[in-house]
Amino acid sequence: MATKKVTVTIPEDLLDEIRAEAAERGLSAYVAEALRFKRDRDRLLELVDWLQEEHGPVTEDERASALAELEDLDAEHEHRRTTGGHNPGEAA
């Protein structure tokens, strides 16, 4: 993957925290990962805005249902992570 060196200005206290957290990965990898995450989040927010324009705002019941599904998925992923796999016959 091609890379390019850039200069950015970051508050000193934030930089100190990031350097401490990014020690093994390195500052560049940490920042690149954070930027990808932010870009992906921005794209998702654009999609949400478009969907709400097309279909109206999400109701509280829809939001609660989606959050419950996410909690179930998170619990399943945590279970698989801690047990090292999935049930036979189940998609990975």
C-alpha atoms as a PDB file:
ATOM      1  CA  MET A   1       0.000   0.000   0.000  1.00  0.00           C
ATOM      2  CA  ALA A   2       1.390   3.375  -0.959  1.00  0.00           C
ATOM      3  CA  THR A   3       1.791   5.919   1.808  1.00  0.00           C
ATOM      4  CA  LYS A   4       2.463   9.616   1.922  1.00  0.00           C
ATOM      5  CA  LYS A   5       3.973  11.667   4.701  1.00  0.00           C
ATOM      6  CA  VAL A   6       1.847  14.607   5.876  1.00  0.00           C
ATOM      7  CA  THR A   7       2.091  17.194   8.616  1.00  0.00           C
ATOM      8  CA  VAL A   8      -0.762  17.658  11.068  1.00  0.00           C
ATOM      9  CA  THR A   9      -1.159  19.714  14.212  1.00  0.00           C
ATOM     10  CA  ILE A  10      -2.454  17.835  17.264  1.00  0.00           C
ATOM     11  CA  PRO A  11      -2.934  19.185  20.790  1.00  0.00           C
ATOM     12  CA  GLU A  12       0.089  18.138  22.862  1.00  0.00           C
ATOM     13  CA  ASP A  13      -1.899  16.396  25.604  1.00  0.00           C
ATOM     14  CA  LEU A  14      -3.799  14.329  23.027  1.00  0.00           C
ATOM     15  CA  LEU A  15      -0.572  13.419  21.244  1.00  0.00           C
ATOM     16  CA  ASP A  16       0.951  12.225  24.523  1.00  0.00           C
ATOM     17  CA  GLU A  17      -2.071   9.992  25.172  1.00  0.00           C
ATOM     18  CA  ILE A  18      -2.045   8.608  21.615  1.00  0.00           C
ATOM     19  CA  ARG A  19       1.675   7.854  21.724  1.00  0.00           C
ATOM     20  CA  ALA A  20       1.195   5.941  24.983  1.00  0.00           C
ATOM     21  CA  GLU A  21      -1.693   3.906  23.541  1.00  0.00           C
ATOM     22  CA  ALA A  22      -0.077   3.349  20.144  1.00  0.00           C
ATOM     23  CA  ALA A  23       3.307   2.192  21.448  1.00  0.00           C
ATOM     24  CA  GLU A  24       3.445  -1.241  19.764  1.00  0.00           C
ATOM     25  CA  ARG A  25       1.555  -0.357  16.585  1.00  0.00           C
ATOM     26  CA  GLY A  26       3.248   2.977  16.113  1.00  0.00           C
ATOM     27  CA  LEU A  27       1.791   6.435  15.805  1.00  0.00           C
ATOM     28  CA  SER A  28       1.263   6.311  12.029  1.00  0.00           C
ATOM     29  CA  ALA A  29      -0.687   3.038  12.183  1.00  0.00           C
ATOM     30  CA  TYR A  30      -2.797   4.339  15.067  1.00  0.00           C
ATOM     31  CA  VAL A  31      -3.632   7.579  13.266  1.00  0.00           C
ATOM     32  CA  ALA A  32      -4.396   5.773   9.980  1.00  0.00           C
ATOM     33  CA  GLU A  33      -6.760   3.412  11.813  1.00  0.00           C
ATOM     34  CA  ALA A  34      -8.477   6.333  13.543  1.00  0.00           C
ATOM     35  CA  LEU A  35      -8.891   8.187  10.252  1.00  0.00           C
ATOM     36  CA  ARG A  36     -10.376   5.102   8.569  1.00  0.00           C
ATOM     37  CA  PHE A  37     -12.796   4.704  11.464  1.00  0.00           C
ATOM     38  CA  LYS A  38     -13.822   8.367  11.227  1.00  0.00           C
ATOM     39  CA  ARG A  39     -14.242   8.159   7.442  1.00  0.00           C
ATOM     40  CA  ASP A  40     -16.394   5.035   7.759  1.00  0.00           C
ATOM     41  CA  ARG A  41     -18.499   6.640  10.489  1.00  0.00           C
ATOM     42  CA  ASP A  42     -19.035   9.753   8.360  1.00  0.00           C
ATOM     43  CA  ARG A  43     -20.167   7.569   5.452  1.00  0.00           C
ATOM     44  CA  LEU A  44     -22.595   5.714   7.709  1.00  0.00           C
ATOM     45  CA  LEU A  45     -24.012   9.011   8.975  1.00  0.00           C
ATOM     46  CA  GLU A  46     -24.507  10.138   5.364  1.00  0.00           C
ATOM     47  CA  LEU A  47     -26.374   6.885   4.693  1.00  0.00           C
ATOM     48  CA  VAL A  48     -28.544   7.389   7.784  1.00  0.00           C
ATOM     49  CA  ASP A  49     -29.386  10.932   6.659  1.00  0.00           C
ATOM     50  CA  TRP A  50     -30.308   9.684   3.179  1.00  0.00           C
ATOM     51  CA  LEU A  51     -32.413   6.811   4.543  1.00  0.00           C
ATOM     52  CA  GLN A  52     -34.254   9.173   6.870  1.00  0.00           C
ATOM     53  CA  GLU A  53     -34.953  11.531   3.969  1.00  0.00           C
ATOM     54  CA  GLU A  54     -36.310   8.600   1.928  1.00  0.00           C
ATOM     55  CA  HIS A  55     -38.208   6.723   4.660  1.00  0.00           C
ATOM     56  CA  GLY A  56     -38.666   9.133   7.549  1.00  0.00           C
ATOM     57  CA  PRO A  57     -36.973   9.170  10.923  1.00  0.00           C
ATOM     58  CA  VAL A  58     -36.334   5.990  12.881  1.00  0.00           C
ATOM     59  CA  THR A  59     -38.886   5.406  15.625  1.00  0.00           C
ATOM     60  CA  GLU A  60     -37.860   4.661  19.209  1.00  0.00           C
ATOM     61  CA  ASP A  61     -39.213   1.100  18.807  1.00  0.00           C
ATOM     62  CA  GLU A  62     -37.068   0.573  15.687  1.00  0.00           C
ATOM     63  CA  ARG A  63     -34.043   2.008  17.455  1.00  0.00           C
ATOM     64  CA  ALA A  64     -34.577  -0.206  20.521  1.00  0.00           C
ATOM     65  CA  SER A  65     -35.010  -3.278  18.316  1.00  0.00           C
ATOM     66  CA  ALA A  66     -31.810  -2.524  16.385  1.00  0.00           C
ATOM     67  CA  LEU A  67     -29.847  -1.957  19.600  1.00  0.00           C
ATOM     68  CA  ALA A  68     -31.147  -5.249  21.013  1.00  0.00           C
ATOM     69  CA  GLU A  69     -30.006  -7.039  17.857  1.00  0.00           C
ATOM     70  CA  LEU A  70     -26.568  -5.432  18.123  1.00  0.00           C
ATOM     71  CA  GLU A  71     -26.286  -6.509  21.761  1.00  0.00           C
ATOM     72  CA  ASP A  72     -27.183 -10.074  20.749  1.00  0.00           C
ATOM     73  CA  LEU A  73     -24.558 -10.008  17.975  1.00  0.00           C
ATOM     74  CA  ASP A  74     -21.933  -8.577  20.332  1.00  0.00           C
ATOM     75  CA  ALA A  75     -22.713 -11.307  22.876  1.00  0.00           C
ATOM     76  CA  GLU A  76     -22.431 -14.000  20.180  1.00  0.00           C
ATOM     77  CA  HIS A  77     -19.116 -12.583  18.927  1.00  0.00           C
ATOM     78  CA  GLU A  78     -17.776 -12.438  22.478  1.00  0.00           C
ATOM     79  CA  HIS A  79     -18.884 -16.035  23.049  1.00  0.00           C
ATOM     80  CA  ARG A  80     -17.145 -17.170  19.854  1.00  0.00           C
ATOM     81  CA  ARG A  81     -14.020 -15.199  20.742  1.00  0.00           C
ATOM     82  CA  THR A  82     -13.784 -16.750  24.190  1.00  0.00           C
ATOM     83  CA  THR A  83     -14.648 -20.296  23.095  1.00  0.00           C
ATOM     84  CA  GLY A  84     -12.527 -20.200  19.963  1.00  0.00           C
ATOM     85  CA  GLY A  85     -15.090 -20.996  17.323  1.00  0.00           C
ATOM     86  CA  HIS A  86     -18.682 -21.590  16.386  1.00  0.00           C
ATOM     87  CA  ASN A  87     -21.211 -24.387  16.610  1.00  0.00           C
ATOM     88  CA  PRO A  88     -20.977 -27.221  14.040  1.00  0.00           C
ATOM     89  CA  GLY A  89     -23.258 -26.625  11.072  1.00  0.00           C
ATOM     90  CA  GLU A  90     -23.314 -22.894  11.785  1.00  0.00           C
ATOM     91  CA  ALA A  91     -21.913 -20.326   9.377  1.00  0.00           C
ATOM     92  CA  ALA A  92     -18.597 -18.878  10.520  1.00  0.00           C
END
